[in-house]
Amino acid sequence: MAKWTLDEVQAELLERRAVLIERMARVERDLARCNDPLVADSADRAIQLQNDETLGVILRTGREELAAIDEALQRLKLNLYGICDRCGQRIPESRLWAAPFATRCATCVDIHDPE
């Protein structure tokens, strides 16, 4: 890992994790209508419900990313970070630089199902 040390990777993942948790908490508050109860007007209500669908997608995506970050942090602890979990080869630094929580090399992602 020439571009980043493992400590820097861990710090980056932890920072991203904290930002994600905060963002997901805001989305959950919005979905719970803490700040904005449903309005009586049917057109406005339709817009609110459509926004809720979008927030639901954001929340699901956030949970998936959070799980991937937690897995990467666990792989760091186990000294498996940067090693493809399918073929056992090193994941190229360029791939880890772009996606620090990647668990598969580009070849295995292309050949098998996507991450």
Protein backbone atom coordinates (compact mmCIF):
# COMPACT_ATOMS: atom_id res chain seq x y z
CA MET A 1 0.00 0.00 0.00
CA ALA A 2 2.17 2.81 -1.27
CA LYS A 3 -0.42 5.60 -1.51
CA TRP A 4 -1.89 4.97 1.95
CA THR A 5 -0.62 3.25 5.03
CA LEU A 6 -3.00 0.82 6.68
CA ASP A 7 -3.45 3.32 9.53
CA GLU A 8 -4.51 5.95 6.99
CA VAL A 9 -6.93 3.49 5.40
CA GLN A 10 -8.43 2.75 8.79
CA ALA A 11 -8.73 6.46 9.60
CA GLU A 12 -10.40 7.12 6.24
CA LEU A 13 -12.85 4.26 6.74
CA LEU A 14 -13.70 5.39 10.27
CA GLU A 15 -14.25 8.96 9.09
CA ARG A 16 -16.48 7.79 6.23
CA ARG A 17 -18.35 5.55 8.70
CA ALA A 18 -19.04 8.47 11.05
CA VAL A 19 -20.28 10.69 8.20
CA LEU A 20 -22.51 7.88 6.94
CA ILE A 21 -24.01 7.23 10.38
CA GLU A 22 -24.83 10.92 10.78
CA ARG A 23 -26.39 11.08 7.31
CA MET A 24 -28.44 7.95 7.94
CA ALA A 25 -29.68 9.38 11.26
CA ARG A 26 -30.88 12.51 9.44
CA VAL A 27 -32.67 10.39 6.85
CA GLU A 28 -34.29 8.28 9.57
CA ARG A 29 -35.48 11.45 11.35
CA ASP A 30 -36.92 12.75 8.08
CA LEU A 31 -38.70 9.46 7.47
CA ALA A 32 -40.11 9.53 10.99
CA ARG A 33 -41.52 12.98 10.20
CA CYS A 34 -39.83 14.57 13.21
CA ASN A 35 -39.51 17.84 11.34
CA ASP A 36 -42.26 17.69 8.73
CA PRO A 37 -45.60 15.93 9.36
CA LEU A 38 -47.62 14.89 6.32
CA VAL A 39 -49.64 17.75 4.89
CA ALA A 40 -53.35 17.55 4.17
CA ASP A 41 -53.11 18.68 0.52
CA SER A 42 -53.11 15.55 -1.67
CA ALA A 43 -50.64 16.91 -4.26
CA ASP A 44 -48.15 17.94 -1.58
CA ARG A 45 -48.69 14.65 0.21
CA ALA A 46 -47.87 12.77 -3.02
CA ILE A 47 -44.60 14.71 -3.28
CA GLN A 48 -43.77 13.92 0.34
CA LEU A 49 -44.44 10.21 -0.20
CA GLN A 50 -42.30 10.24 -3.36
CA ASN A 51 -39.53 11.90 -1.35
CA ASP A 52 -39.92 9.18 1.28
CA GLU A 53 -39.25 6.55 -1.38
CA THR A 54 -36.06 8.36 -2.35
CA LEU A 55 -35.01 8.63 1.30
CA GLY A 56 -35.67 4.91 1.69
CA VAL A 57 -33.28 4.16 -1.18
CA ILE A 58 -30.67 6.47 0.35
CA LEU A 59 -31.06 4.70 3.70
CA ARG A 60 -30.73 1.21 2.17
CA THR A 61 -27.67 2.27 0.18
CA GLY A 62 -26.16 3.79 3.31
CA ARG A 63 -26.71 0.56 5.26
CA GLU A 64 -25.04 -1.44 2.50
CA GLU A 65 -22.05 0.91 2.45
CA LEU A 66 -21.84 0.84 6.24
CA ALA A 67 -21.75 -2.96 6.17
CA ALA A 68 -18.99 -2.85 3.53
CA ILE A 69 -16.98 -0.39 5.64
CA ASP A 70 -17.41 -2.55 8.75
CA GLU A 71 -16.23 -5.58 6.77
CA ALA A 72 -13.17 -3.66 5.54
CA LEU A 73 -12.36 -2.62 9.12
CA GLN A 74 -12.66 -6.26 10.20
CA ARG A 75 -10.41 -7.34 7.32
CA LEU A 76 -7.85 -4.77 8.49
CA LYS A 77 -7.90 -6.31 11.98
CA LEU A 78 -7.47 -9.80 10.54
CA ASN A 79 -4.65 -8.69 8.24
CA LEU A 80 -6.73 -9.61 5.19
CA TYR A 81 -7.25 -6.10 3.86
CA GLY A 82 -6.33 -5.76 0.19
CA ILE A 83 -6.60 -9.48 -0.51
CA CYS A 84 -9.37 -10.70 -2.82
CA ASP A 85 -11.83 -12.84 -0.87
CA ARG A 86 -12.53 -14.94 -3.95
CA CYS A 87 -9.13 -15.70 -5.54
CA GLY A 88 -6.74 -14.73 -2.73
CA GLN A 89 -4.66 -12.40 -4.90
CA ARG A 90 -3.78 -8.85 -3.92
CA ILE A 91 -6.31 -6.23 -4.89
CA PRO A 92 -4.52 -3.54 -6.92
CA GLU A 93 -3.84 -0.32 -5.04
CA SER A 94 -5.65 1.66 -7.72
CA ARG A 95 -8.84 -0.28 -6.97
CA LEU A 96 -8.43 0.17 -3.21
CA TRP A 97 -7.74 3.85 -3.75
CA ALA A 98 -11.06 4.19 -5.61
CA ALA A 99 -13.03 1.87 -3.31
CA PRO A 100 -11.23 1.37 0.02
CA PHE A 101 -13.78 -1.21 1.12
CA ALA A 102 -13.42 -3.44 -1.96
CA THR A 103 -13.15 -7.13 -1.11
CA ARG A 104 -12.55 -8.47 -4.61
CA CYS A 105 -10.08 -7.74 -7.36
CA ALA A 106 -11.50 -6.35 -10.61
CA THR A 107 -11.06 -9.70 -12.34
CA CYS A 108 -13.22 -11.54 -9.81
CA VAL A 109 -15.85 -8.82 -9.86
CA ASP A 110 -16.00 -9.03 -13.67
CA ILE A 111 -16.05 -12.84 -13.82
CA HIS A 112 -18.38 -13.46 -10.89
CA ASP A 113 -21.28 -11.55 -9.51
CA PRO A 114 -20.63 -7.91 -8.62
CA GLU A 115 -19.76 -6.92 -5.07
